[in-house]
Amino acid sequence: MSPAHPEKWPVLVVHGGVEEQLLKDSVALLAAAEESDGNPSLSEQTVVTLRAGDSAEHSLLTLALYAPDEDSDPSSGQDLAGVAVVVEDADGTGVLEIAVHPSYRNQGVADRLVGALKSGRGLDGLKAWSHGNHEAAADLAARYGYGPVRELWKMRLTTATAELPDVGLPDGVTLRAFVPGKDEDRWLAANRAAFAHHPEQGSMSRADLDARMAEDWFDPAGFLLAVDAEDRLLGFHWTKVHPRHGAHPAIGEVYAVGVTPAAQGMGLGKALTVAGIRHLQGLGLHAVMLYTDADNTAAVSLYRGLGFTRWDMDVMYGPLAAV
């Protein structure tokens, strides 16, 4: 491994889609980081964008820091020490996320990447996620004049001890599984309506949906749709199963629960939440987790009432003053 001098290592800057080798190296880095941390270093949407490249909705900027191997030619023996990804919207605002390989942490890798980003693109219009709210990320953010602007809680329920309420569906409403090739467009419309206020979930495109349906974890049996007698979509609970990572066992996720405006006030949200958790329980998973904004008091209250407790937290950082 190279001496710890990342300030001397060149930063590879890529606009748009990345080449196959960098994508492969990035995926390997992310897997190593998640196995070490138990948390993903990049959000799922950012990984989807990294694989897809630029689109009509956003542009992609990737900065990669390779550590030359001290015993070989730098052109042939290199480790990807860290990667920074900026997903930028058409208005010039965007989100920065950084992943550092566990073997290269506490050596200034993230600082080198942010410094290169500031020197090139600049930091104007950017916010940044820290998944797991590591102390090092908070220190790095403070050095660039950033502070917390949003908290996303990760909450967890141990299924073995869970005592879920007996919540029935409203009259005239039934549950069925999502049908690929039939339900994509109607679900996207329902999702946009249900999450019109949400900066990530509500903006999901057909390409985003297709990318998730192509993932190994996608299971239509765990994508529950609430429909009326005419098969009109009223709400949904999309569940997900995260596979085992090293010492971290497989875990279920309340991936997305939504109710259309027309079906609000029926108690459908709680019924869908419980139905999805019971589905995950039936798969033999030891725990179920979910994400919710800390300031969404109604959602936090609902999940706490079902037995969820706060497990971890992601923090979004934004500029507190001109940098």
C-alpha atoms as a PDB file:
ATOM      1  CA  MET A   1       0.000   0.000   0.000  1.00  0.00           C
ATOM      2  CA  SER A   2       1.253   3.508  -0.791  1.00  0.00           C
ATOM      3  CA  PRO A   3       2.472   5.910   1.874  1.00  0.00           C
ATOM      4  CA  ALA A   4      -0.353   8.041   3.226  1.00  0.00           C
ATOM      5  CA  HIS A   5       0.134  11.107   1.027  1.00  0.00           C
ATOM      6  CA  PRO A   6      -3.192  11.539  -0.773  1.00  0.00           C
ATOM      7  CA  GLU A   7      -2.475  15.234  -1.276  1.00  0.00           C
ATOM      8  CA  LYS A   8       0.066  14.099  -3.901  1.00  0.00           C
ATOM      9  CA  TRP A   9      -2.206  11.626  -5.682  1.00  0.00           C
ATOM     10  CA  PRO A  10      -3.887  12.856  -8.884  1.00  0.00           C
ATOM     11  CA  VAL A  11      -7.670  13.063  -8.884  1.00  0.00           C
ATOM     12  CA  LEU A  12      -9.464  11.587 -11.884  1.00  0.00           C
ATOM     13  CA  VAL A  13     -12.409  13.823 -12.864  1.00  0.00           C
ATOM     14  CA  VAL A  14     -15.159  12.356 -15.056  1.00  0.00           C
ATOM     15  CA  HIS A  15     -18.151  14.265 -16.436  1.00  0.00           C
ATOM     16  CA  GLY A  16     -21.114  12.079 -17.366  1.00  0.00           C
ATOM     17  CA  GLY A  17     -21.021   8.302 -17.442  1.00  0.00           C
ATOM     18  CA  VAL A  18     -17.987   6.517 -16.046  1.00  0.00           C
ATOM     19  CA  GLU A  19     -16.023   3.825 -17.846  1.00  0.00           C
ATOM     20  CA  GLU A  20     -16.490   0.175 -16.975  1.00  0.00           C
ATOM     21  CA  GLN A  21     -13.283  -0.154 -14.920  1.00  0.00           C
ATOM     22  CA  LEU A  22     -14.035   2.834 -12.706  1.00  0.00           C
ATOM     23  CA  LEU A  23     -17.596   1.596 -12.191  1.00  0.00           C
ATOM     24  CA  LYS A  24     -16.273  -1.853 -11.258  1.00  0.00           C
ATOM     25  CA  ASP A  25     -13.732  -0.334  -8.857  1.00  0.00           C
ATOM     26  CA  SER A  26     -16.394   1.914  -7.323  1.00  0.00           C
ATOM     27  CA  VAL A  27     -18.799  -0.993  -6.759  1.00  0.00           C
ATOM     28  CA  ALA A  28     -16.006  -2.962  -5.047  1.00  0.00           C
ATOM     29  CA  LEU A  29     -15.155   0.030  -2.845  1.00  0.00           C
ATOM     30  CA  LEU A  30     -18.806   0.495  -1.873  1.00  0.00           C
ATOM     31  CA  ALA A  31     -19.139  -3.192  -0.980  1.00  0.00           C
ATOM     32  CA  ALA A  32     -16.038  -3.043   1.246  1.00  0.00           C
ATOM     33  CA  ALA A  33     -17.288   0.116   2.946  1.00  0.00           C
ATOM     34  CA  GLU A  34     -20.748  -1.323   3.583  1.00  0.00           C
ATOM     35  CA  GLU A  35     -19.300  -4.542   4.977  1.00  0.00           C
ATOM     36  CA  SER A  36     -17.161  -2.470   7.361  1.00  0.00           C
ATOM     37  CA  ASP A  37     -19.814   0.065   8.370  1.00  0.00           C
ATOM     38  CA  GLY A  38     -23.095  -1.770   8.050  1.00  0.00           C
ATOM     39  CA  ASN A  39     -24.303   1.300   6.126  1.00  0.00           C
ATOM     40  CA  PRO A  40     -24.085   2.169   2.434  1.00  0.00           C
ATOM     41  CA  SER A  41     -21.736   5.086   1.730  1.00  0.00           C
ATOM     42  CA  LEU A  42     -23.794   6.326  -1.223  1.00  0.00           C
ATOM     43  CA  SER A  43     -27.561   6.547  -1.493  1.00  0.00           C
ATOM     44  CA  GLU A  44     -29.302   4.083  -3.753  1.00  0.00           C
ATOM     45  CA  GLN A  45     -30.334   6.785  -6.219  1.00  0.00           C
ATOM     46  CA  THR A  46     -26.745   7.986  -6.532  1.00  0.00           C
ATOM     47  CA  VAL A  47     -25.585   4.447  -7.339  1.00  0.00           C
ATOM     48  CA  VAL A  48     -28.339   4.158  -9.962  1.00  0.00           C
ATOM     49  CA  THR A  49     -27.185   7.447 -11.510  1.00  0.00           C
ATOM     50  CA  LEU A  50     -23.536   6.401 -11.387  1.00  0.00           C
ATOM     51  CA  ARG A  51     -24.397   3.344 -13.452  1.00  0.00           C
ATOM     52  CA  ALA A  52     -26.634   5.207 -15.896  1.00  0.00           C
ATOM     53  CA  GLY A  53     -24.723   8.455 -16.438  1.00  0.00           C
ATOM     54  CA  ASP A  54     -26.315  11.751 -17.478  1.00  0.00           C
ATOM     55  CA  SER A  55     -30.034  11.974 -18.154  1.00  0.00           C
ATOM     56  CA  ALA A  56     -32.628  14.611 -18.957  1.00  0.00           C
ATOM     57  CA  GLU A  57     -33.176  15.123 -15.218  1.00  0.00           C
ATOM     58  CA  HIS A  58     -29.602  15.396 -13.963  1.00  0.00           C
ATOM     59  CA  SER A  59     -25.903  15.448 -14.799  1.00  0.00           C
ATOM     60  CA  LEU A  60     -23.149  13.426 -13.174  1.00  0.00           C
ATOM     61  CA  LEU A  61     -19.689  14.418 -11.969  1.00  0.00           C
ATOM     62  CA  THR A  62     -17.377  11.800 -10.498  1.00  0.00           C
ATOM     63  CA  LEU A  63     -14.012  12.327  -8.820  1.00  0.00           C
ATOM     64  CA  ALA A  64     -11.866   9.259  -8.149  1.00  0.00           C
ATOM     65  CA  LEU A  65      -8.670   9.043  -6.114  1.00  0.00           C
ATOM     66  CA  TYR A  66      -6.450   6.081  -6.899  1.00  0.00           C
ATOM     67  CA  ALA A  67      -3.574   5.246  -4.559  1.00  0.00           C
ATOM     68  CA  PRO A  68      -0.503   4.120  -6.512  1.00  0.00           C
ATOM     69  CA  ASP A  69       1.017   0.865  -5.269  1.00  0.00           C
ATOM     70  CA  GLU A  70       4.497   1.578  -3.944  1.00  0.00           C
ATOM     71  CA  ASP A  71       5.866  -1.664  -5.383  1.00  0.00           C
ATOM     72  CA  SER A  72       4.515  -1.392  -8.914  1.00  0.00           C
ATOM     73  CA  ASP A  73       4.035   0.957 -11.806  1.00  0.00           C
ATOM     74  CA  PRO A  74       1.239   3.420 -10.910  1.00  0.00           C
ATOM     75  CA  SER A  75      -0.385   2.776 -14.281  1.00  0.00           C
ATOM     76  CA  SER A  76      -0.880  -0.906 -13.512  1.00  0.00           C
ATOM     77  CA  GLY A  77      -1.074  -1.289  -9.738  1.00  0.00           C
ATOM     78  CA  GLN A  78      -3.666   0.998  -8.115  1.00  0.00           C
ATOM     79  CA  ASP A  79      -6.322   0.867  -5.440  1.00  0.00           C
ATOM     80  CA  LEU A  80      -9.393   3.093  -5.538  1.00  0.00           C
ATOM     81  CA  ALA A  81      -8.989   4.883  -2.215  1.00  0.00           C
ATOM     82  CA  GLY A  82     -12.029   7.115  -2.513  1.00  0.00           C
ATOM     83  CA  VAL A  83     -14.739   8.353  -4.847  1.00  0.00           C
ATOM     84  CA  ALA A  84     -16.912  11.468  -4.766  1.00  0.00           C
ATOM     85  CA  VAL A  85     -20.110  11.687  -6.803  1.00  0.00           C
ATOM     86  CA  VAL A  86     -22.099  14.838  -7.555  1.00  0.00           C
ATOM     87  CA  VAL A  87     -25.597  14.474  -9.000  1.00  0.00           C
ATOM     88  CA  GLU A  88     -26.599  17.895 -10.296  1.00  0.00           C
ATOM     89  CA  ASP A  89     -30.019  19.116 -11.386  1.00  0.00           C
ATOM     90  CA  ALA A  90     -30.660  21.425 -14.324  1.00  0.00           C
ATOM     91  CA  ASP A  91     -30.848  24.459 -12.009  1.00  0.00           C
ATOM     92  CA  GLY A  92     -27.250  23.977 -10.848  1.00  0.00           C
ATOM     93  CA  THR A  93     -28.109  22.567  -7.439  1.00  0.00           C
ATOM     94  CA  GLY A  94     -26.902  19.127  -6.526  1.00  0.00           C
ATOM     95  CA  VAL A  95     -25.917  16.578  -3.917  1.00  0.00           C
ATOM     96  CA  LEU A  96     -22.417  15.365  -3.110  1.00  0.00           C
ATOM     97  CA  GLU A  97     -21.672  11.953  -1.606  1.00  0.00           C
ATOM     98  CA  ILE A  98     -18.261  10.467  -0.785  1.00  0.00           C
ATOM     99  CA  ALA A  99     -17.087   6.914  -0.144  1.00  0.00           C
ATOM    100  CA  VAL A 100     -13.648   6.061   1.226  1.00  0.00           C
ATOM    101  CA  HIS A 101     -12.241   2.542   1.257  1.00  0.00           C
ATOM    102  CA  PRO A 102     -11.786   1.271   4.852  1.00  0.00           C
ATOM    103  CA  SER A 103      -8.059   0.690   4.186  1.00  0.00           C
ATOM    104  CA  TYR A 104      -7.534   4.373   3.345  1.00  0.00           C
ATOM    105  CA  ARG A 105      -9.529   6.133   6.036  1.00  0.00           C
ATOM    106  CA  ASN A 106      -8.102   8.809   8.344  1.00  0.00           C
ATOM    107  CA  GLN A 107      -5.494   9.675   5.723  1.00  0.00           C
ATOM    108  CA  GLY A 108      -7.090  12.771   4.148  1.00  0.00           C
ATOM    109  CA  VAL A 109      -8.698  11.029   1.160  1.00  0.00           C
ATOM    110  CA  ALA A 110     -12.094  12.738   1.498  1.00  0.00           C
ATOM    111  CA  ASP A 111     -10.446  16.120   2.052  1.00  0.00           C
ATOM    112  CA  ARG A 112      -8.404  15.636  -1.123  1.00  0.00           C
ATOM    113  CA  LEU A 113     -11.569  14.870  -3.102  1.00  0.00           C
ATOM    114  CA  VAL A 114     -13.502  17.852  -1.748  1.00  0.00           C
ATOM    115  CA  GLY A 115     -10.525  20.125  -2.341  1.00  0.00           C
ATOM    116  CA  ALA A 116     -10.344  18.994  -5.972  1.00  0.00           C
ATOM    117  CA  LEU A 117     -14.089  19.519  -6.353  1.00  0.00           C
ATOM    118  CA  LYS A 118     -13.851  23.033  -4.918  1.00  0.00           C
ATOM    119  CA  SER A 119     -10.943  23.900  -7.204  1.00  0.00           C
ATOM    120  CA  GLY A 120     -12.738  22.572 -10.287  1.00  0.00           C
ATOM    121  CA  ARG A 121     -16.500  22.877 -10.210  1.00  0.00           C
ATOM    122  CA  GLY A 122     -16.748  24.799  -6.962  1.00  0.00           C
ATOM    123  CA  LEU A 123     -19.180  24.055  -4.137  1.00  0.00           C
ATOM    124  CA  ASP A 124     -21.924  26.500  -5.132  1.00  0.00           C
ATOM    125  CA  GLY A 125     -25.384  24.971  -4.958  1.00  0.00           C
ATOM    126  CA  LEU A 126     -24.183  21.735  -3.401  1.00  0.00           C
ATOM    127  CA  LYS A 127     -25.364  19.913  -0.302  1.00  0.00           C
ATOM    128  CA  ALA A 128     -23.755  16.722   0.959  1.00  0.00           C
ATOM    129  CA  TRP A 129     -24.959  13.523   2.615  1.00  0.00           C
ATOM    130  CA  SER A 130     -23.160  11.735   5.420  1.00  0.00           C
ATOM    131  CA  HIS A 131     -24.601   8.237   5.760  1.00  0.00           C
ATOM    132  CA  GLY A 132     -24.188   7.218   9.372  1.00  0.00           C
ATOM    133  CA  ASN A 133     -23.189  10.729  10.477  1.00  0.00           C
ATOM    134  CA  HIS A 134     -19.560   9.858  11.105  1.00  0.00           C
ATOM    135  CA  GLU A 135     -17.535  12.305  13.187  1.00  0.00           C
ATOM    136  CA  ALA A 136     -14.969  12.586  10.392  1.00  0.00           C
ATOM    137  CA  ALA A 137     -17.699  13.713   7.994  1.00  0.00           C
ATOM    138  CA  ALA A 138     -18.899  16.372  10.435  1.00  0.00           C
ATOM    139  CA  ASP A 139     -15.340  17.669  10.825  1.00  0.00           C
ATOM    140  CA  LEU A 140     -14.828  17.732   7.057  1.00  0.00           C
ATOM    141  CA  ALA A 141     -18.101  19.598   6.532  1.00  0.00           C
ATOM    142  CA  ALA A 142     -17.170  22.192   9.156  1.00  0.00           C
ATOM    143  CA  ARG A 143     -13.823  22.859   7.453  1.00  0.00           C
ATOM    144  CA  TYR A 144     -15.699  23.899   4.325  1.00  0.00           C
ATOM    145  CA  GLY A 145     -18.291  26.007   6.147  1.00  0.00           C
ATOM    146  CA  TYR A 146     -21.065  23.405   6.039  1.00  0.00           C
ATOM    147  CA  GLY A 147     -23.450  22.443   8.813  1.00  0.00           C
ATOM    148  CA  PRO A 148     -26.426  20.064   9.299  1.00  0.00           C
ATOM    149  CA  VAL A 149     -29.579  21.051   7.385  1.00  0.00           C
ATOM    150  CA  ARG A 150     -31.543  17.788   7.397  1.00  0.00           C
ATOM    151  CA  GLU A 151     -31.631  14.613   9.491  1.00  0.00           C
ATOM    152  CA  LEU A 152     -32.826  11.292   8.123  1.00  0.00           C
ATOM    153  CA  TRP A 153     -33.434   8.739  10.837  1.00  0.00           C
ATOM    154  CA  LYS A 154     -32.889   5.040  10.361  1.00  0.00           C
ATOM    155  CA  MET A 155     -35.341   3.166  12.605  1.00  0.00           C
ATOM    156  CA  ARG A 156     -35.357  -0.544  13.402  1.00  0.00           C
ATOM    157  CA  LEU A 157     -37.826  -3.176  14.584  1.00  0.00           C
ATOM    158  CA  THR A 158     -36.775  -6.593  15.886  1.00  0.00           C
ATOM    159  CA  THR A 159     -39.298  -8.952  14.338  1.00  0.00           C
ATOM    160  CA  ALA A 160     -38.977 -11.696  16.974  1.00  0.00           C
ATOM    161  CA  THR A 161     -40.325  -9.397  19.701  1.00  0.00           C
ATOM    162  CA  ALA A 162     -42.642  -7.269  17.556  1.00  0.00           C
ATOM    163  CA  GLU A 163     -46.290  -7.127  18.590  1.00  0.00           C
ATOM    164  CA  LEU A 164     -48.030  -5.655  15.586  1.00  0.00           C
ATOM    165  CA  PRO A 165     -51.612  -4.391  15.859  1.00  0.00           C
ATOM    166  CA  ASP A 166     -54.408  -6.143  14.013  1.00  0.00           C
ATOM    167  CA  VAL A 167     -55.069  -3.467  11.404  1.00  0.00           C
ATOM    168  CA  GLY A 168     -57.537  -4.292   8.668  1.00  0.00           C
ATOM    169  CA  LEU A 169     -57.865  -2.685   5.268  1.00  0.00           C
ATOM    170  CA  PRO A 170     -60.637  -0.144   4.683  1.00  0.00           C
ATOM    171  CA  ASP A 171     -63.859  -1.477   3.209  1.00  0.00           C
ATOM    172  CA  GLY A 172     -63.623  -2.132  -0.518  1.00  0.00           C
ATOM    173  CA  VAL A 173     -59.806  -2.159  -0.535  1.00  0.00           C
ATOM    174  CA  THR A 174     -57.706  -5.230  -1.274  1.00  0.00           C
ATOM    175  CA  LEU A 175     -53.994  -5.947  -1.540  1.00  0.00           C
ATOM    176  CA  ARG A 176     -52.271  -7.507  -4.506  1.00  0.00           C
ATOM    177  CA  ALA A 177     -48.703  -7.796  -5.734  1.00  0.00           C
ATOM    178  CA  PHE A 178     -47.174  -5.428  -8.271  1.00  0.00           C
ATOM    179  CA  VAL A 179     -47.285  -6.877 -11.805  1.00  0.00           C
ATOM    180  CA  PRO A 180     -44.244  -6.013 -13.971  1.00  0.00           C
ATOM    181  CA  GLY A 181     -45.291  -4.880 -17.413  1.00  0.00           C
ATOM    182  CA  LYS A 182     -48.672  -3.698 -16.150  1.00  0.00           C
ATOM    183  CA  ASP A 183     -48.289  -1.472 -13.109  1.00  0.00           C
ATOM    184  CA  GLU A 184     -45.236   0.714 -13.811  1.00  0.00           C
ATOM    185  CA  ASP A 185     -46.956   3.835 -15.129  1.00  0.00           C
ATOM    186  CA  ARG A 186     -49.866   3.776 -12.703  1.00  0.00           C
ATOM    187  CA  TRP A 187     -47.455   3.287  -9.790  1.00  0.00           C
ATOM    188  CA  LEU A 188     -45.250   6.187 -10.928  1.00  0.00           C
ATOM    189  CA  ALA A 189     -48.320   8.435 -11.062  1.00  0.00           C
ATOM    190  CA  ALA A 190     -49.426   7.324  -7.594  1.00  0.00           C
ATOM    191  CA  ASN A 191     -45.910   7.755  -6.241  1.00  0.00           C
ATOM    192  CA  ARG A 192     -45.642  11.306  -7.613  1.00  0.00           C
ATOM    193  CA  ALA A 193     -48.965  12.213  -6.047  1.00  0.00           C
ATOM    194  CA  ALA A 194     -48.206  10.597  -2.696  1.00  0.00           C
ATOM    195  CA  PHE A 195     -44.715  12.118  -2.444  1.00  0.00           C
ATOM    196  CA  ALA A 196     -45.205  15.495  -4.091  1.00  0.00           C
ATOM    197  CA  HIS A 197     -43.488  17.044  -1.067  1.00  0.00           C
ATOM    198  CA  HIS A 198     -40.544  14.641  -0.974  1.00  0.00           C
ATOM    199  CA  PRO A 199     -37.281  15.709  -2.697  1.00  0.00           C
ATOM    200  CA  GLU A 200     -36.115  12.196  -3.635  1.00  0.00           C
ATOM    201  CA  GLN A 201     -38.979   9.708  -3.695  1.00  0.00           C
ATOM    202  CA  GLY A 202     -41.420  11.941  -5.524  1.00  0.00           C
ATOM    203  CA  SER A 203     -39.079  12.569  -8.431  1.00  0.00           C
ATOM    204  CA  MET A 204     -38.557   8.910  -9.352  1.00  0.00           C
ATOM    205  CA  SER A 205     -38.635   8.415 -13.121  1.00  0.00           C
ATOM    206  CA  ARG A 206     -39.449   5.373 -15.254  1.00  0.00           C
ATOM    207  CA  ALA A 207     -35.708   4.856 -15.777  1.00  0.00           C
ATOM    208  CA  ASP A 208     -35.186   4.911 -12.003  1.00  0.00           C
ATOM    209  CA  LEU A 209     -37.977   2.380 -11.497  1.00  0.00           C
ATOM    210  CA  ASP A 210     -36.667   0.128 -14.265  1.00  0.00           C
ATOM    211  CA  ALA A 211     -33.171   0.230 -12.736  1.00  0.00           C
ATOM    212  CA  ARG A 212     -34.509  -0.911  -9.380  1.00  0.00           C
ATOM    213  CA  MET A 213     -36.612  -3.643 -10.972  1.00  0.00           C
ATOM    214  CA  ALA A 214     -33.432  -4.933 -12.619  1.00  0.00           C
ATOM    215  CA  GLU A 215     -31.659  -5.303  -9.255  1.00  0.00           C
ATOM    216  CA  ASP A 216     -31.245  -8.742  -7.678  1.00  0.00           C
ATOM    217  CA  TRP A 217     -33.210  -7.674  -4.608  1.00  0.00           C
ATOM    218  CA  PHE A 218     -36.380  -6.736  -6.503  1.00  0.00           C
ATOM    219  CA  ASP A 219     -39.293  -9.045  -5.695  1.00  0.00           C
ATOM    220  CA  PRO A 220     -42.773  -8.152  -6.989  1.00  0.00           C
ATOM    221  CA  ALA A 221     -44.314 -10.349  -4.283  1.00  0.00           C
ATOM    222  CA  GLY A 222     -43.021  -7.831  -1.739  1.00  0.00           C
ATOM    223  CA  PHE A 223     -44.320  -4.824  -3.694  1.00  0.00           C
ATOM    224  CA  LEU A 224     -47.842  -4.559  -2.253  1.00  0.00           C
ATOM    225  CA  LEU A 225     -50.528  -2.474  -3.959  1.00  0.00           C
ATOM    226  CA  ALA A 226     -53.773  -1.390  -2.340  1.00  0.00           C
ATOM    227  CA  VAL A 227     -56.538  -1.195  -4.944  1.00  0.00           C
ATOM    228  CA  ASP A 228     -60.281  -0.627  -4.997  1.00  0.00           C
ATOM    229  CA  ALA A 229     -62.922  -2.793  -6.703  1.00  0.00           C
ATOM    230  CA  GLU A 230     -62.024  -1.242 -10.101  1.00  0.00           C
ATOM    231  CA  ASP A 231     -58.308  -1.917  -9.518  1.00  0.00           C
ATOM    232  CA  ARG A 232     -57.581   1.790  -9.042  1.00  0.00           C
ATOM    233  CA  LEU A 233     -54.321   2.231  -7.134  1.00  0.00           C
ATOM    234  CA  LEU A 234     -54.876   3.867  -3.734  1.00  0.00           C
ATOM    235  CA  GLY A 235     -51.589   3.155  -1.979  1.00  0.00           C
ATOM    236  CA  PHE A 236     -48.607   0.857  -1.803  1.00  0.00           C
ATOM    237  CA  HIS A 237     -45.944  -0.669   0.410  1.00  0.00           C
ATOM    238  CA  TRP A 238     -42.755  -1.554  -1.428  1.00  0.00           C
ATOM    239  CA  THR A 239     -40.562  -3.770   0.737  1.00  0.00           C
ATOM    240  CA  LYS A 240     -36.903  -4.630   0.231  1.00  0.00           C
ATOM    241  CA  VAL A 241     -34.529  -7.258   1.590  1.00  0.00           C
ATOM    242  CA  HIS A 242     -30.892  -6.307   2.094  1.00  0.00           C
ATOM    243  CA  PRO A 243     -28.687  -9.412   1.758  1.00  0.00           C
ATOM    244  CA  ARG A 244     -26.127 -10.414   4.324  1.00  0.00           C
ATOM    245  CA  HIS A 245     -22.913  -8.341   4.291  1.00  0.00           C
ATOM    246  CA  GLY A 246     -20.068 -10.009   6.162  1.00  0.00           C
ATOM    247  CA  ALA A 247     -21.046 -10.084   9.826  1.00  0.00           C
ATOM    248  CA  HIS A 248     -24.202  -8.068   9.159  1.00  0.00           C
ATOM    249  CA  PRO A 249     -27.228 -10.399   8.676  1.00  0.00           C
ATOM    250  CA  ALA A 250     -29.922  -9.901   6.069  1.00  0.00           C
ATOM    251  CA  ILE A 251     -32.500  -7.304   7.061  1.00  0.00           C
ATOM    252  CA  GLY A 252     -35.858  -6.204   5.681  1.00  0.00           C
ATOM    253  CA  GLU A 253     -36.755  -2.639   4.817  1.00  0.00           C
ATOM    254  CA  VAL A 254     -39.957  -0.633   4.725  1.00  0.00           C
ATOM    255  CA  TYR A 255     -38.712   0.747   1.422  1.00  0.00           C
ATOM    256  CA  ALA A 256     -41.602   3.037   0.464  1.00  0.00           C
ATOM    257  CA  VAL A 257     -45.125   3.434   1.824  1.00  0.00           C
ATOM    258  CA  GLY A 258     -47.417   5.847   0.031  1.00  0.00           C
ATOM    259  CA  VAL A 259     -51.097   6.758  -0.062  1.00  0.00           C
ATOM    260  CA  THR A 260     -52.615   8.806  -2.876  1.00  0.00           C
ATOM    261  CA  PRO A 261     -54.318  12.100  -1.932  1.00  0.00           C
ATOM    262  CA  ALA A 262     -57.720  10.630  -2.852  1.00  0.00           C
ATOM    263  CA  ALA A 263     -57.282   7.854  -0.274  1.00  0.00           C
ATOM    264  CA  GLN A 264     -56.014   9.977   2.611  1.00  0.00           C
ATOM    265  CA  GLY A 265     -57.882   9.727   5.902  1.00  0.00           C
ATOM    266  CA  MET A 266     -58.907   6.074   5.487  1.00  0.00           C
ATOM    267  CA  GLY A 267     -56.240   4.621   7.773  1.00  0.00           C
ATOM    268  CA  LEU A 268     -54.637   3.007   4.753  1.00  0.00           C
ATOM    269  CA  GLY A 269     -51.077   4.083   5.571  1.00  0.00           C
ATOM    270  CA  LYS A 270     -50.918   2.167   8.841  1.00  0.00           C
ATOM    271  CA  ALA A 271     -52.643  -0.882   7.339  1.00  0.00           C
ATOM    272  CA  LEU A 272     -50.130  -0.952   4.464  1.00  0.00           C
ATOM    273  CA  THR A 273     -47.181  -0.527   6.831  1.00  0.00           C
ATOM    274  CA  VAL A 274     -48.277  -3.460   8.979  1.00  0.00           C
ATOM    275  CA  ALA A 275     -49.020  -5.633   5.943  1.00  0.00           C
ATOM    276  CA  GLY A 276     -45.530  -5.072   4.561  1.00  0.00           C
ATOM    277  CA  ILE A 277     -43.862  -5.800   7.896  1.00  0.00           C
ATOM    278  CA  ARG A 278     -45.827  -9.039   8.179  1.00  0.00           C
ATOM    279  CA  HIS A 279     -44.622  -9.972   4.685  1.00  0.00           C
ATOM    280  CA  LEU A 280     -41.016  -9.427   5.766  1.00  0.00           C
ATOM    281  CA  GLN A 281     -41.612 -11.388   8.984  1.00  0.00           C
ATOM    282  CA  GLY A 282     -42.836 -14.264   6.847  1.00  0.00           C
ATOM    283  CA  LEU A 283     -39.448 -14.362   5.120  1.00  0.00           C
ATOM    284  CA  GLY A 284     -37.788 -15.186   8.454  1.00  0.00           C
ATOM    285  CA  LEU A 285     -35.851 -11.900   8.738  1.00  0.00           C
ATOM    286  CA  HIS A 286     -34.644 -10.996  12.201  1.00  0.00           C
ATOM    287  CA  ALA A 287     -35.265  -7.266  11.839  1.00  0.00           C
ATOM    288  CA  VAL A 288     -36.891  -4.600   9.685  1.00  0.00           C
ATOM    289  CA  MET A 289     -35.588  -1.068   9.175  1.00  0.00           C
ATOM    290  CA  LEU A 290     -36.772   2.119   7.523  1.00  0.00           C
ATOM    291  CA  TYR A 291     -35.777   5.716   6.826  1.00  0.00           C
ATOM    292  CA  THR A 292     -37.820   8.742   7.811  1.00  0.00           C
ATOM    293  CA  ASP A 293     -37.118  12.451   8.157  1.00  0.00           C
ATOM    294  CA  ALA A 294     -36.576  13.390  11.781  1.00  0.00           C
ATOM    295  CA  ASP A 295     -38.992  16.319  11.480  1.00  0.00           C
ATOM    296  CA  ASN A 296     -41.815  14.150  10.076  1.00  0.00           C
ATOM    297  CA  THR A 297     -43.479  13.876  13.471  1.00  0.00           C
ATOM    298  CA  ALA A 298     -46.529  11.975  12.182  1.00  0.00           C
ATOM    299  CA  ALA A 299     -44.372   9.248  10.607  1.00  0.00           C
ATOM    300  CA  VAL A 300     -42.029   9.015  13.600  1.00  0.00           C
ATOM    301  CA  SER A 301     -45.044   8.666  15.911  1.00  0.00           C
ATOM    302  CA  LEU A 302     -46.570   5.949  13.723  1.00  0.00           C
ATOM    303  CA  TYR A 303     -43.358   3.920  13.571  1.00  0.00           C
ATOM    304  CA  ARG A 304     -42.647   4.267  17.276  1.00  0.00           C
ATOM    305  CA  GLY A 305     -46.179   3.071  17.958  1.00  0.00           C
ATOM    306  CA  LEU A 306     -45.361  -0.079  15.966  1.00  0.00           C
ATOM    307  CA  GLY A 307     -42.225  -0.701  18.042  1.00  0.00           C
ATOM    308  CA  PHE A 308     -39.529   0.912  15.882  1.00  0.00           C
ATOM    309  CA  THR A 309     -36.690   2.697  17.649  1.00  0.00           C
ATOM    310  CA  ARG A 310     -34.039   5.058  16.277  1.00  0.00           C
ATOM    311  CA  TRP A 311     -31.025   3.049  15.177  1.00  0.00           C
ATOM    312  CA  ASP A 312     -28.816   5.433  13.217  1.00  0.00           C
ATOM    313  CA  MET A 313     -28.962   8.732  11.377  1.00  0.00           C
ATOM    314  CA  ASP A 314     -27.940  10.195   8.031  1.00  0.00           C
ATOM    315  CA  VAL A 315     -27.197  13.907   7.975  1.00  0.00           C
ATOM    316  CA  MET A 316     -27.362  16.290   5.048  1.00  0.00           C
ATOM    317  CA  TYR A 317     -24.917  19.188   5.243  1.00  0.00           C
ATOM    318  CA  GLY A 318     -25.350  22.530   3.545  1.00  0.00           C
ATOM    319  CA  PRO A 319     -23.400  25.785   3.435  1.00  0.00           C
ATOM    320  CA  LEU A 320     -23.863  27.977   6.496  1.00  0.00           C
ATOM    321  CA  ALA A 321     -22.095  30.917   4.841  1.00  0.00           C
ATOM    322  CA  ALA A 322     -20.334  31.689   1.588  1.00  0.00           C
ATOM    323  CA  VAL A 323     -17.333  29.413   1.200  1.00  0.00           C
END
